[in-house]
Amino acid sequence: YFPTGTYAIDSYLPTLQDVRILGDGMDLSTITSHQTFTGENDYAALVRSVYRTKLEDITLDAGLYKSYSSVLVMPSANDTSNRLLCERVRFTMEDAPIMDSGSKLLELAHLDDVTFKDCEFITGKSLFHGNSTNVLYDGCDLYGMLDNPLFVVTWGGQNISMTDCTAQNLDNSDPRSWKGWSKGRVFHGGGAWGPMKNTYFGGCTSHDFVPRDPVAWTTANPVSVSSASFVFASNDLVAVDGNIPNKYARVISGTGANDDEWNVISNINRSTGVVTLETTWESLPDTSSSIEIIDRIQNRNTGEQWMFEFTDTKYRGMATTGTASTVVLTGLTNNYNGLVVVVTDGRGVGQSRVVSGDSSGGTVSITSPWDVIPDASSLVSIGTYVYRGAVYGNNLDGTTLAVEGVDHVATEGVSTYGGSLEICVEDNVFHELRYGISVWGLPTKASDYNDGTYVSRPNIFGHYVDNVFDDCRAGGRIVAKKFTPQLIDRSIFGHVYRRNTVTNSYTDALIYEVEADGLMGMQVFDNNIIVEFDRFMQDADGLADQVWINNSVTSLNNGVAMSISDGHY
């Protein structure tokens, strides 16, 4: 029991087994790091290794004294710890020094049965779950800072859920400072460590969630310049805050101007006006140059609020025969137990199942029977795909920065970035986003049979139903990419878009980008309502097998309903 007070510790708490840590409330009881805090093997975690543990009514604060090389809560990479329950716990690094690049606020990569209920996270780093299973965030509030690229992360987890949670920037009042902003990615899931299976996201809300458009703290002509420093007049530094990490100097006009040269600032001496750089100028400016000091944002091509990616196709080949619970594949010699097998063409097309048992002999057993048994006409892929998930009843919100900005920003509601099977996106509201949804068919090199040829990561049988897309730049984007050399398999097919409402699109209601014939298969658009837009549909080559039925298209701003080029079939 930690009664009201702040407890500064100089080492992580010992392994917790069958323990309850209880405080008087998030605002009253705090565990933080002492200035002498040390970790173990470079891990600096306040709580390290948990087994049947509950944390309740307390704050875990990274504190002022440690540039964390790890996390706040972390079981060992080889630990079999499980069952962690946190209720009304605040996890924060708001006042911490800038964490190391490999840091994570939470690292819970090998746990089973993890629940965060009514918790609060204030972070510039991720909440990493690796391949953990049965993870629930319920009623939690997430606040982003330090241009945090993402919050909840899994690389092959199973049964991951977020319900009734909120996500927002900690303080987005000042676009000059990165301290109060994140990049807007609530959930990032994929197959880096194996397939991600059975996820659910319901009743969540994001608020004004978009990467900032950085504004310089100050722009001025230097008094003098040397090889690795420059001097500003003292009044030119008044507006610059005292947070040195992530400060950059860039010459934007005059001698040495170079948009691609960003020089890291290591120190600002306000009394002398000297600004010291970590490295020398590539193009030396002079006193006629205009130099800006800015909190640089490294990458604005992010912000997909629910993002499914990092999948891989391990095998692509033909079947020879099959039974109700197996399929025999040509040339298969690897064990893909636990991965996902999908029929991408021929008999049984569209079916996906989980591999059960050793497949190295060429026979793939599956966890549930085929509806249609594959045969020698069936083309089959096996991979670390995102398999079965639901995004239901969420309200996902950006700002006009995402909608109207000329420069690209990837603020999207839901993005399935290849290798996504049976994802249901239903009854959500998407507001002021670059794109409400993005559906990607992306090639990859079949990693275990790599001859340099690209093959598809199938994105199939998604359901996009009863959603509202309001004030977005475009309601949706469907992209099928082609790399060279590539085997042209259908990478997108079987999707249904039904009873969605798209209103006030800044450009297009729907954007197609299909780079070759054969990449796009059957898609159904049924009973959708599209109102107030410049153009209903923009496309590239390669559309095929599209069904449009009972859709309502009204109030075109420039009179163009569809722009369809030649060569479709």
Protein backbone atom coordinates (compact mmCIF):
# COMPACT_ATOMS: atom_id res chain seq x y z
CA TYR A 1 0.00 0.00 0.00
CA PHE A 2 1.30 3.43 -1.03
CA PRO A 3 -0.62 6.11 0.89
CA THR A 4 -0.81 9.66 -0.40
CA GLY A 5 2.67 10.86 -1.35
CA THR A 6 5.47 10.59 -3.93
CA TYR A 7 7.87 7.65 -3.67
CA ALA A 8 11.19 8.09 -5.50
CA ILE A 9 12.92 4.72 -5.94
CA ASP A 10 16.53 4.06 -6.95
CA SER A 11 15.92 0.63 -8.51
CA TYR A 12 13.02 -1.23 -10.03
CA LEU A 13 10.56 -3.02 -7.78
CA PRO A 14 11.33 -6.74 -7.39
CA THR A 15 9.45 -9.40 -9.30
CA LEU A 16 5.79 -9.13 -8.40
CA GLN A 17 3.89 -12.37 -7.99
CA ASP A 18 0.43 -12.55 -6.45
CA VAL A 19 0.82 -8.91 -5.39
CA ARG A 20 -1.54 -5.94 -5.34
CA ILE A 21 -0.02 -2.44 -5.50
CA LEU A 22 -2.59 0.02 -4.16
CA GLY A 23 -2.50 3.80 -3.86
CA ASP A 24 -4.98 6.46 -2.81
CA GLY A 25 -5.60 7.61 -6.39
CA MET A 26 -3.80 8.66 -9.55
CA ASP A 27 -3.54 12.25 -8.30
CA LEU A 28 -2.42 11.30 -4.80
CA SER A 29 0.02 8.36 -4.86
CA THR A 30 3.01 8.35 -7.24
CA ILE A 31 5.99 6.03 -7.76
CA THR A 32 8.79 7.75 -9.67
CA SER A 33 12.53 7.50 -10.24
CA HIS A 34 15.13 8.90 -7.85
CA GLN A 35 18.09 10.78 -9.29
CA THR A 36 20.25 7.73 -8.45
CA PHE A 37 17.93 5.34 -10.27
CA THR A 38 19.68 2.47 -12.08
CA GLY A 39 18.35 -0.35 -14.20
CA GLU A 40 19.53 -3.83 -15.01
CA ASN A 41 21.17 -4.72 -18.34
CA ASP A 42 20.26 -1.22 -19.54
CA TYR A 43 16.60 -1.70 -18.67
CA ALA A 44 15.21 1.08 -16.50
CA ALA A 45 11.72 -0.01 -15.47
CA LEU A 46 9.92 1.05 -12.32
CA VAL A 47 8.07 -2.26 -12.27
CA ARG A 48 9.83 -5.25 -13.80
CA SER A 49 8.32 -8.75 -14.13
CA VAL A 50 4.76 -9.37 -13.06
CA TYR A 51 2.79 -12.52 -12.44
CA ARG A 52 -0.80 -12.41 -11.24
CA THR A 53 -0.34 -8.75 -10.29
CA LYS A 54 -2.78 -5.86 -9.84
CA LEU A 55 -1.92 -2.15 -9.85
CA GLU A 56 -4.67 0.14 -8.64
CA ASP A 57 -5.22 3.86 -7.95
CA ILE A 58 -1.65 5.01 -8.45
CA THR A 59 0.66 6.86 -10.86
CA LEU A 60 3.85 5.43 -12.34
CA ASP A 61 5.96 8.40 -13.43
CA ALA A 62 9.20 8.08 -15.40
CA GLY A 63 10.49 11.08 -13.48
CA LEU A 64 13.24 13.58 -14.17
CA TYR A 65 16.42 11.61 -13.84
CA LYS A 66 16.61 8.77 -16.35
CA SER A 67 16.73 8.75 -20.12
CA TYR A 68 14.98 5.42 -20.22
CA SER A 69 16.51 2.75 -22.41
CA SER A 70 13.50 0.58 -21.77
CA VAL A 71 10.09 1.10 -20.20
CA LEU A 72 8.03 1.66 -17.13
CA VAL A 73 6.53 -1.79 -16.86
CA MET A 74 8.43 -4.69 -18.37
CA PRO A 75 8.73 -8.44 -17.96
CA SER A 76 11.97 -9.97 -19.18
CA ALA A 77 12.09 -11.04 -22.80
CA ASN A 78 12.35 -14.66 -21.66
CA ASP A 79 9.77 -14.39 -18.90
CA THR A 80 6.50 -16.29 -18.96
CA SER A 81 4.81 -13.71 -16.74
CA ASN A 82 1.09 -13.29 -17.17
CA ARG A 83 -2.08 -11.83 -15.72
CA LEU A 84 -1.61 -8.13 -15.21
CA LEU A 85 -4.56 -5.99 -14.18
CA CYS A 86 -4.27 -2.20 -13.93
CA GLU A 87 -7.23 -0.15 -12.74
CA ARG A 88 -7.16 3.64 -12.50
CA VAL A 89 -3.40 3.82 -13.06
CA ARG A 90 -1.62 6.74 -14.72
CA PHE A 91 1.49 5.88 -16.73
CA THR A 92 3.38 9.05 -17.60
CA MET A 93 6.64 10.38 -18.97
CA GLU A 94 5.39 13.96 -19.18
CA ASP A 95 8.30 15.37 -17.17
CA ALA A 96 10.92 12.80 -18.17
CA PRO A 97 14.01 13.61 -20.21
CA ILE A 98 13.74 12.53 -23.82
CA MET A 99 13.74 8.76 -23.89
CA ASP A 100 16.24 6.76 -25.90
CA SER A 101 15.19 5.83 -29.42
CA GLY A 102 14.46 2.23 -28.43
CA SER A 103 12.39 3.16 -25.41
CA LYS A 104 8.77 2.25 -24.84
CA LEU A 105 6.51 3.46 -22.08
CA LEU A 106 5.23 -0.09 -21.61
CA GLU A 107 6.89 -3.23 -22.88
CA LEU A 108 4.66 -6.23 -22.38
CA ALA A 109 5.79 -8.44 -25.21
CA HIS A 110 5.21 -11.89 -23.76
CA LEU A 111 2.19 -11.63 -21.49
CA ASP A 112 -1.16 -13.34 -21.49
CA ASP A 113 -4.26 -11.80 -19.92
CA VAL A 114 -3.48 -8.08 -19.61
CA THR A 115 -6.17 -5.52 -18.72
CA PHE A 116 -6.00 -1.75 -18.41
CA LYS A 117 -9.26 -0.35 -17.09
CA ASP A 118 -9.89 3.37 -16.64
CA CYS A 119 -6.18 4.09 -16.96
CA GLU A 120 -4.37 7.13 -18.32
CA PHE A 121 -1.28 7.19 -20.54
CA ILE A 122 0.77 10.36 -21.14
CA THR A 123 3.55 9.37 -23.48
CA GLY A 124 5.90 10.13 -26.34
CA LYS A 125 6.64 6.42 -26.71
CA SER A 126 4.64 3.32 -27.55
CA LEU A 127 2.70 0.84 -25.46
CA PHE A 128 4.29 -2.28 -26.91
CA HIS A 129 2.64 -5.70 -26.65
CA GLY A 130 4.67 -7.78 -29.11
CA ASN A 131 3.01 -11.16 -29.34
CA SER A 132 0.98 -10.88 -26.12
CA THR A 133 -2.48 -12.40 -26.06
CA ASN A 134 -5.79 -11.42 -24.49
CA VAL A 135 -5.03 -7.73 -24.05
CA LEU A 136 -7.80 -5.27 -23.17
CA TYR A 137 -7.81 -1.48 -22.92
CA ASP A 138 -11.18 -0.40 -21.53
CA GLY A 139 -12.19 3.15 -20.70
CA CYS A 140 -8.62 4.43 -21.00
CA ASP A 141 -7.41 7.90 -22.04
CA LEU A 142 -4.29 8.27 -24.20
CA TYR A 143 -2.40 11.57 -24.46
CA GLY A 144 0.39 11.95 -27.02
CA MET A 145 3.51 14.11 -26.84
CA LEU A 146 6.97 14.48 -28.44
CA ASP A 147 5.51 13.77 -31.90
CA ASN A 148 4.83 10.22 -30.71
CA PRO A 149 4.32 8.11 -33.87
CA LEU A 150 2.02 5.53 -32.26
CA PHE A 151 0.34 4.33 -29.08
CA VAL A 152 -0.74 0.68 -28.76
CA VAL A 153 1.46 -1.71 -30.78
CA THR A 154 1.29 -5.44 -31.39
CA TRP A 155 3.52 -7.49 -33.71
CA GLY A 156 1.51 -10.67 -33.87
CA GLY A 157 -0.71 -10.52 -30.82
CA GLN A 158 -4.03 -12.26 -30.54
CA ASN A 159 -7.33 -11.22 -28.99
CA ILE A 160 -6.42 -7.53 -28.64
CA SER A 161 -9.29 -5.17 -27.77
CA MET A 162 -9.75 -1.46 -27.15
CA THR A 163 -13.17 -0.33 -25.95
CA ASP A 164 -14.49 3.08 -24.91
CA CYS A 165 -11.04 4.67 -25.03
CA THR A 166 -10.06 8.20 -26.05
CA ALA A 167 -6.95 9.43 -27.87
CA GLN A 168 -5.74 12.99 -28.24
CA ASN A 169 -2.71 15.24 -28.16
CA LEU A 170 -1.59 16.33 -24.72
CA ASP A 171 -1.59 19.99 -25.77
CA ASN A 172 -1.94 20.98 -29.41
CA SER A 173 -2.21 24.71 -28.77
CA ASP A 174 1.30 25.49 -30.11
CA PRO A 175 2.43 23.95 -33.43
CA ARG A 176 5.97 25.21 -32.78
CA SER A 177 6.54 22.72 -29.96
CA TRP A 178 6.61 18.96 -30.29
CA LYS A 179 6.06 18.49 -26.54
CA GLY A 180 2.28 18.47 -26.72
CA TRP A 181 1.69 16.63 -30.00
CA SER A 182 1.65 13.10 -31.32
CA LYS A 183 1.29 11.92 -34.91
CA GLY A 184 -2.14 10.45 -34.45
CA ARG A 185 -1.73 6.68 -34.66
CA VAL A 186 -3.85 5.03 -31.93
CA PHE A 187 -3.24 1.39 -32.84
CA HIS A 188 -0.57 -0.23 -34.94
CA GLY A 189 -0.89 -3.96 -35.53
CA GLY A 190 0.83 -6.32 -37.89
CA GLY A 191 2.68 -9.51 -38.53
CA ALA A 192 6.32 -8.76 -37.68
CA TRP A 193 6.39 -11.64 -35.14
CA GLY A 194 3.51 -13.66 -36.59
CA PRO A 195 -0.11 -13.17 -37.66
CA MET A 196 -2.26 -10.76 -35.69
CA LYS A 197 -5.58 -12.48 -35.06
CA ASN A 198 -8.97 -11.59 -33.64
CA THR A 199 -8.90 -7.90 -32.74
CA TYR A 200 -11.77 -5.67 -31.67
CA PHE A 201 -11.99 -1.90 -31.37
CA GLY A 202 -15.31 -0.44 -30.28
CA GLY A 203 -16.71 2.79 -28.91
CA CYS A 204 -13.39 4.66 -29.07
CA THR A 205 -13.00 8.37 -29.78
CA SER A 206 -10.12 10.44 -31.11
CA HIS A 207 -10.03 14.23 -30.83
CA ASP A 208 -8.29 16.57 -33.32
CA PHE A 209 -5.73 13.85 -33.98
CA VAL A 210 -3.28 14.79 -36.73
CA PRO A 211 0.49 15.31 -37.07
CA ARG A 212 1.36 18.95 -36.50
CA ASP A 213 2.42 21.22 -39.32
CA PRO A 214 5.61 22.57 -37.70
CA VAL A 215 6.15 26.29 -37.34
CA ALA A 216 9.55 27.82 -36.64
CA TRP A 217 10.26 29.27 -33.20
CA THR A 218 12.19 32.08 -34.81
CA THR A 219 13.66 33.07 -38.17
CA ALA A 220 16.41 35.69 -38.42
CA ASN A 221 19.69 36.72 -40.00
CA PRO A 222 22.67 35.68 -37.87
CA VAL A 223 25.08 38.20 -36.38
CA SER A 224 27.93 35.84 -37.23
CA VAL A 225 28.46 32.28 -38.46
CA SER A 226 31.15 29.64 -37.90
CA SER A 227 31.52 26.07 -39.16
CA ALA A 228 29.35 24.53 -36.43
CA SER A 229 27.53 27.46 -34.82
CA PHE A 230 25.93 30.82 -35.40
CA VAL A 231 24.99 33.83 -33.29
CA PHE A 232 21.54 35.39 -33.10
CA ALA A 233 20.72 38.70 -31.48
CA SER A 234 19.26 38.08 -28.04
CA ASN A 235 15.81 39.35 -29.01
CA ASP A 236 15.71 36.77 -31.83
CA LEU A 237 15.90 33.98 -29.23
CA VAL A 238 13.22 35.24 -26.84
CA ALA A 239 10.44 33.13 -28.39
CA VAL A 240 12.44 29.86 -28.40
CA ASP A 241 11.49 27.50 -25.56
CA GLY A 242 14.04 25.77 -23.37
CA ASN A 243 13.46 22.25 -24.69
CA ILE A 244 16.69 21.60 -26.63
CA PRO A 245 16.03 18.04 -27.87
CA ASN A 246 14.60 18.01 -31.39
CA LYS A 247 15.68 21.60 -32.11
CA TYR A 248 17.06 22.05 -35.62
CA ALA A 249 18.56 24.91 -37.58
CA ARG A 250 17.89 25.25 -41.30
CA VAL A 251 18.89 27.91 -43.83
CA ILE A 252 15.72 28.79 -45.71
CA SER A 253 17.00 31.61 -47.93
CA GLY A 254 20.20 33.34 -48.89
CA THR A 255 23.70 31.86 -48.88
CA GLY A 256 23.69 28.17 -47.97
CA ALA A 257 19.93 27.72 -48.37
CA ASN A 258 19.14 24.01 -48.46
CA ASP A 259 15.74 22.57 -47.60
CA ASP A 260 17.31 19.15 -47.07
CA GLU A 261 19.99 20.23 -44.59
CA TRP A 262 18.65 19.98 -41.04
CA ASN A 263 21.30 20.69 -38.42
CA VAL A 264 20.73 19.37 -34.92
CA ILE A 265 21.14 22.02 -32.24
CA SER A 266 23.08 20.86 -29.19
CA ASN A 267 22.95 24.05 -27.14
CA ILE A 268 21.51 27.56 -27.08
CA ASN A 269 23.29 30.13 -24.93
CA ARG A 270 20.76 32.89 -24.41
CA SER A 271 23.20 35.29 -22.77
CA THR A 272 25.64 35.25 -25.72
CA GLY A 273 23.19 34.29 -28.48
CA VAL A 274 25.44 31.41 -29.58
CA VAL A 275 23.59 28.45 -31.11
CA THR A 276 25.83 25.37 -31.25
CA LEU A 277 25.29 22.57 -33.76
CA GLU A 278 26.15 18.87 -33.43
CA THR A 279 27.86 18.82 -36.83
CA THR A 280 29.31 21.33 -39.25
CA TRP A 281 27.27 23.01 -41.97
CA GLU A 282 27.27 21.27 -45.32
CA SER A 283 26.60 24.60 -47.01
CA LEU A 284 28.01 27.40 -44.89
CA PRO A 285 25.62 30.36 -44.49
CA ASP A 286 26.62 33.96 -43.84
CA THR A 287 25.07 37.02 -42.24
CA SER A 288 22.79 37.54 -45.23
CA SER A 289 21.24 34.10 -44.75
CA SER A 290 17.85 33.55 -43.17
CA ILE A 291 18.06 30.76 -40.55
CA GLU A 292 15.11 29.19 -38.75
CA ILE A 293 15.09 27.32 -35.45
CA ILE A 294 12.37 24.68 -35.48
CA ASP A 295 11.14 21.57 -33.69
CA ARG A 296 11.41 19.30 -36.68
CA ILE A 297 8.81 16.65 -37.35
CA GLN A 298 10.64 13.71 -38.89
CA ASN A 299 7.82 12.23 -40.93
CA ARG A 300 4.28 13.43 -41.61
CA ASN A 301 3.49 10.33 -43.70
CA THR A 302 1.85 8.81 -40.66
CA GLY A 303 -1.30 9.27 -38.62
CA GLU A 304 -3.41 6.29 -39.68
CA GLN A 305 -5.46 6.05 -36.50
CA TRP A 306 -6.05 2.32 -36.83
CA MET A 307 -3.22 0.84 -38.88
CA PHE A 308 -2.77 -2.80 -39.98
CA GLU A 309 0.56 -3.50 -41.69
CA PHE A 310 3.98 -5.26 -41.43
CA THR A 311 2.60 -8.44 -42.97
CA ASP A 312 4.53 -10.85 -45.14
CA THR A 313 3.83 -13.57 -47.67
CA LYS A 314 6.05 -16.53 -46.82
CA TYR A 315 4.85 -18.89 -49.57
CA ARG A 316 2.96 -18.62 -52.85
CA GLY A 317 2.24 -21.64 -55.00
CA MET A 318 -0.27 -24.05 -56.51
CA ALA A 319 -2.20 -26.72 -54.71
CA THR A 320 -2.17 -30.27 -56.01
CA THR A 321 -5.10 -31.64 -54.03
CA GLY A 322 -7.05 -31.07 -50.85
CA THR A 323 -9.42 -32.56 -48.31
CA ALA A 324 -11.93 -30.93 -45.98
CA SER A 325 -9.17 -30.05 -43.50
CA THR A 326 -5.95 -30.02 -45.59
CA VAL A 327 -4.36 -28.75 -48.77
CA VAL A 328 -1.22 -30.12 -50.41
CA LEU A 329 1.07 -27.45 -51.87
CA THR A 330 3.75 -27.62 -54.53
CA GLY A 331 7.30 -27.10 -53.27
CA LEU A 332 6.36 -26.35 -49.66
CA THR A 333 9.12 -27.41 -47.27
CA ASN A 334 8.82 -25.01 -44.32
CA ASN A 335 6.83 -25.29 -41.14
CA TYR A 336 4.17 -22.58 -41.02
CA ASN A 337 2.24 -23.71 -37.98
CA GLY A 338 0.09 -20.82 -36.70
CA LEU A 339 0.34 -18.72 -39.86
CA VAL A 340 -2.61 -17.96 -42.14
CA VAL A 341 -3.25 -19.78 -45.42
CA VAL A 342 -5.47 -18.17 -48.06
CA VAL A 343 -6.72 -19.28 -51.47
CA THR A 344 -6.18 -16.34 -53.81
CA ASP A 345 -7.39 -17.85 -57.09
CA GLY A 346 -9.04 -20.93 -58.53
CA ARG A 347 -11.33 -23.29 -56.68
CA GLY A 348 -12.05 -22.13 -53.14
CA VAL A 349 -10.89 -18.56 -53.82
CA GLY A 350 -11.22 -16.17 -50.88
CA GLN A 351 -11.08 -18.76 -48.11
CA SER A 352 -8.57 -18.20 -45.31
CA ARG A 353 -7.71 -20.47 -42.42
CA VAL A 354 -5.09 -20.82 -39.69
CA VAL A 355 -2.40 -23.47 -40.25
CA SER A 356 -2.50 -26.24 -37.65
CA GLY A 357 0.61 -28.38 -37.21
CA ASP A 358 3.83 -28.91 -39.12
CA SER A 359 3.54 -28.09 -42.83
CA SER A 360 7.14 -28.87 -43.83
CA GLY A 361 6.09 -32.05 -45.62
CA GLY A 362 3.95 -30.07 -48.04
CA THR A 363 0.59 -30.88 -46.47
CA VAL A 364 -1.08 -27.97 -44.69
CA SER A 365 -3.64 -28.86 -42.03
CA ILE A 366 -6.10 -26.17 -40.94
CA THR A 367 -7.96 -25.38 -37.73
CA SER A 368 -11.43 -25.39 -39.32
CA PRO A 369 -12.70 -27.15 -42.46
CA TRP A 370 -12.80 -25.60 -45.93
CA ASP A 371 -16.22 -24.59 -47.21
CA VAL A 372 -14.99 -25.39 -50.73
CA ILE A 373 -12.11 -27.86 -50.97
CA PRO A 374 -9.15 -26.52 -53.03
CA ASP A 375 -7.86 -28.53 -55.96
CA ALA A 376 -5.11 -28.30 -58.59
CA SER A 377 -6.58 -25.02 -59.92
CA SER A 378 -6.13 -23.27 -56.57
CA LEU A 379 -3.43 -20.65 -56.02
CA VAL A 380 -2.48 -20.45 -52.36
CA SER A 381 -0.50 -18.03 -50.20
CA ILE A 382 0.71 -18.43 -46.61
CA GLY A 383 1.76 -15.47 -44.52
CA THR A 384 1.84 -13.44 -41.33
CA TYR A 385 -1.38 -11.68 -42.21
CA VAL A 386 -3.81 -9.64 -40.14
CA TYR A 387 -6.66 -12.09 -39.65
CA ARG A 388 -10.17 -11.23 -38.54
CA GLY A 389 -10.74 -7.93 -36.81
CA ALA A 390 -13.57 -5.51 -36.15
CA VAL A 391 -13.55 -1.71 -35.91
CA TYR A 392 -17.04 -0.90 -34.68
CA GLY A 393 -18.86 2.17 -33.43
CA ASN A 394 -15.86 4.50 -33.14
CA ASN A 395 -15.70 8.26 -33.71
CA LEU A 396 -12.37 9.11 -35.36
CA ASP A 397 -11.53 12.77 -35.74
CA GLY A 398 -8.77 14.81 -37.38
CA THR A 399 -8.59 18.49 -38.28
CA THR A 400 -8.61 20.67 -41.38
CA LEU A 401 -4.80 20.26 -41.44
CA ALA A 402 -5.42 16.75 -42.77
CA VAL A 403 -8.17 17.78 -45.16
CA GLU A 404 -6.94 20.95 -46.81
CA GLY A 405 -3.17 20.74 -46.57
CA VAL A 406 -1.24 20.67 -49.83
CA ASP A 407 1.54 18.49 -48.39
CA HIS A 408 0.59 14.86 -47.83
CA VAL A 409 -0.23 13.67 -44.35
CA ALA A 410 -1.46 10.13 -43.69
CA THR A 411 -4.23 10.99 -41.26
CA GLU A 412 -6.73 8.22 -41.96
CA GLY A 413 -9.37 6.44 -39.95
CA VAL A 414 -8.63 2.81 -40.78
CA SER A 415 -5.84 1.62 -43.07
CA THR A 416 -5.39 -2.01 -44.10
CA TYR A 417 -1.92 -1.83 -45.62
CA GLY A 418 -1.85 -5.18 -47.41
CA GLY A 419 -2.13 -8.68 -45.99
CA SER A 420 -5.50 -8.12 -44.27
CA LEU A 421 -8.18 -10.80 -44.25
CA GLU A 422 -11.79 -10.49 -43.09
CA ILE A 423 -11.66 -7.05 -41.46
CA CYS A 424 -15.04 -5.53 -40.57
CA VAL A 425 -15.31 -1.72 -40.32
CA GLU A 426 -18.84 -0.87 -39.30
CA ASP A 427 -20.91 1.96 -37.81
CA ASN A 428 -18.01 4.39 -37.40
CA VAL A 429 -17.88 8.15 -37.90
CA PHE A 430 -14.83 9.50 -39.75
CA HIS A 431 -14.43 13.28 -39.53
CA GLU A 432 -11.88 15.71 -40.99
CA LEU A 433 -9.42 13.03 -42.07
CA ARG A 434 -7.27 12.81 -45.19
CA TYR A 435 -9.06 9.58 -46.02
CA GLY A 436 -11.70 7.86 -43.96
CA ILE A 437 -10.47 4.42 -45.00
CA SER A 438 -7.54 3.17 -47.07
CA VAL A 439 -7.52 -0.31 -48.54
CA TRP A 440 -4.13 -1.36 -49.91
CA GLY A 441 -3.02 -4.26 -52.04
CA LEU A 442 0.76 -4.39 -51.72
CA PRO A 443 3.35 -6.76 -53.16
CA THR A 444 6.21 -8.32 -51.23
CA LYS A 445 9.01 -10.76 -51.94
CA ALA A 446 7.97 -14.21 -50.74
CA SER A 447 10.60 -14.25 -48.04
CA ASP A 448 11.20 -17.98 -47.77
CA TYR A 449 11.15 -18.64 -51.52
CA ASN A 450 12.80 -15.45 -52.70
CA ASP A 451 13.91 -15.33 -56.33
CA GLY A 452 13.57 -11.55 -56.47
CA THR A 453 10.01 -11.62 -57.76
CA TYR A 454 7.26 -9.74 -55.96
CA VAL A 455 4.03 -11.49 -55.00
CA SER A 456 0.84 -10.17 -53.45
CA ARG A 457 -0.08 -9.73 -49.82
CA PRO A 458 -3.80 -10.33 -50.28
CA ASN A 459 -6.29 -7.86 -48.86
CA ILE A 460 -9.60 -9.64 -49.14
CA PHE A 461 -13.16 -9.89 -47.86
CA GLY A 462 -13.37 -6.70 -45.86
CA HIS A 463 -16.75 -5.32 -44.90
CA TYR A 464 -17.23 -1.53 -44.74
CA VAL A 465 -20.79 -1.02 -43.64
CA ASP A 466 -22.95 1.77 -42.15
CA ASN A 467 -20.10 4.24 -41.74
CA VAL A 468 -20.32 8.04 -41.99
CA PHE A 469 -17.52 9.96 -43.72
CA ASP A 470 -17.96 13.67 -43.06
CA ASP A 471 -15.73 16.59 -44.11
CA CYS A 472 -12.85 14.31 -45.14
CA ARG A 473 -10.56 15.10 -48.04
CA ALA A 474 -11.84 11.85 -49.59
CA GLY A 475 -14.13 9.26 -48.10
CA GLY A 476 -11.96 6.34 -49.12
CA ARG A 477 -8.94 5.27 -51.11
CA ILE A 478 -8.35 1.87 -52.71
CA VAL A 479 -4.79 1.26 -53.87
CA ALA A 480 -3.33 -1.76 -55.69
CA LYS A 481 0.40 -1.32 -56.23
CA LYS A 482 2.67 -2.99 -58.77
CA PHE A 483 6.41 -3.50 -58.25
CA THR A 484 8.84 -4.91 -60.80
CA PRO A 485 9.19 -7.80 -61.40
CA GLN A 486 5.86 -8.95 -60.01
CA LEU A 487 3.56 -11.90 -60.48
CA ILE A 488 0.17 -10.29 -61.11
CA ASP A 489 -2.17 -11.87 -58.59
CA ARG A 490 -5.33 -10.27 -57.32
CA SER A 491 -4.27 -8.37 -54.23
CA ILE A 492 -7.64 -6.74 -53.50
CA PHE A 493 -10.94 -8.54 -53.90
CA GLY A 494 -14.14 -9.57 -52.15
CA HIS A 495 -14.73 -6.26 -50.33
CA VAL A 496 -18.23 -5.00 -49.65
CA TYR A 497 -19.04 -1.30 -49.15
CA ARG A 498 -22.66 -1.02 -48.05
CA ARG A 499 -24.94 1.71 -46.63
CA ASN A 500 -22.11 4.17 -46.06
CA THR A 501 -22.74 7.92 -46.15
CA VAL A 502 -20.12 10.27 -47.59
CA THR A 503 -20.76 13.99 -47.17
CA ASN A 504 -18.80 17.17 -47.91
CA SER A 505 -15.68 15.55 -49.36
CA TYR A 506 -13.01 18.14 -50.06
CA THR A 507 -12.03 16.40 -53.32
CA ASP A 508 -13.34 12.92 -54.18
CA ALA A 509 -15.81 10.63 -52.50
CA LEU A 510 -13.66 7.65 -53.57
CA ILE A 511 -10.17 7.38 -55.07
CA TYR A 512 -8.95 4.33 -56.98
CA GLU A 513 -5.25 3.78 -57.68
CA VAL A 514 -4.84 0.50 -59.54
CA GLU A 515 -1.47 0.15 -61.25
CA ALA A 516 -2.04 -2.94 -63.42
CA ASP A 517 -4.78 -5.15 -64.78
CA GLY A 518 -5.37 -8.23 -62.67
CA LEU A 519 -4.56 -6.70 -59.28
CA MET A 520 -8.17 -5.82 -58.50
CA GLY A 521 -10.98 -8.33 -58.17
CA MET A 522 -14.63 -8.37 -57.19
CA GLN A 523 -15.88 -5.44 -55.11
CA VAL A 524 -19.48 -4.55 -54.29
CA PHE A 525 -20.82 -1.04 -53.67
CA ASP A 526 -24.38 -1.28 -52.43
CA ASN A 527 -26.80 1.38 -51.13
CA ASN A 528 -24.19 4.02 -50.38
CA ILE A 529 -25.16 7.71 -50.20
CA ILE A 530 -22.70 10.31 -51.49
CA VAL A 531 -23.56 14.00 -51.08
CA GLU A 532 -21.63 17.25 -51.70
CA PHE A 533 -18.31 16.55 -53.35
CA ASP A 534 -16.23 17.61 -56.34
CA ARG A 535 -16.11 14.19 -57.96
CA PHE A 536 -17.66 10.88 -57.03
CA MET A 537 -14.91 8.53 -58.18
CA GLN A 538 -11.41 8.99 -59.51
CA ASP A 539 -9.59 5.96 -60.89
CA ALA A 540 -6.52 4.65 -62.64
CA ASP A 541 -6.27 1.64 -64.95
CA GLY A 542 -7.07 -1.87 -63.84
CA LEU A 543 -10.62 -1.85 -62.48
CA ALA A 544 -12.39 -5.18 -62.91
CA ASP A 545 -15.44 -7.05 -61.64
CA GLN A 546 -17.02 -4.07 -59.89
CA VAL A 547 -20.68 -4.20 -58.85
CA TRP A 548 -22.48 -0.91 -58.22
CA ILE A 549 -26.10 -1.19 -57.13
CA ASN A 550 -28.66 1.15 -55.54
CA ASN A 551 -26.17 3.91 -54.74
CA SER A 552 -27.32 7.52 -54.44
CA VAL A 553 -25.04 10.27 -55.82
CA THR A 554 -26.22 13.86 -55.43
CA SER A 555 -25.05 17.48 -55.16
CA LEU A 556 -21.93 17.39 -57.29
CA ASN A 557 -20.02 20.63 -57.01
CA ASN A 558 -18.56 20.52 -60.52
CA GLY A 559 -20.87 18.09 -62.26
CA VAL A 560 -18.48 15.12 -62.60
CA ALA A 561 -19.94 11.87 -61.32
CA MET A 562 -17.22 9.43 -62.39
CA SER A 563 -13.86 9.69 -64.11
CA ILE A 564 -13.18 6.26 -65.62
CA SER A 565 -10.40 5.70 -68.11
CA ASP A 566 -10.27 3.17 -70.93
CA GLY A 567 -9.36 -0.47 -70.57
CA HIS A 568 -11.64 -1.65 -67.74
CA TYR A 569 -13.37 -4.96 -67.85
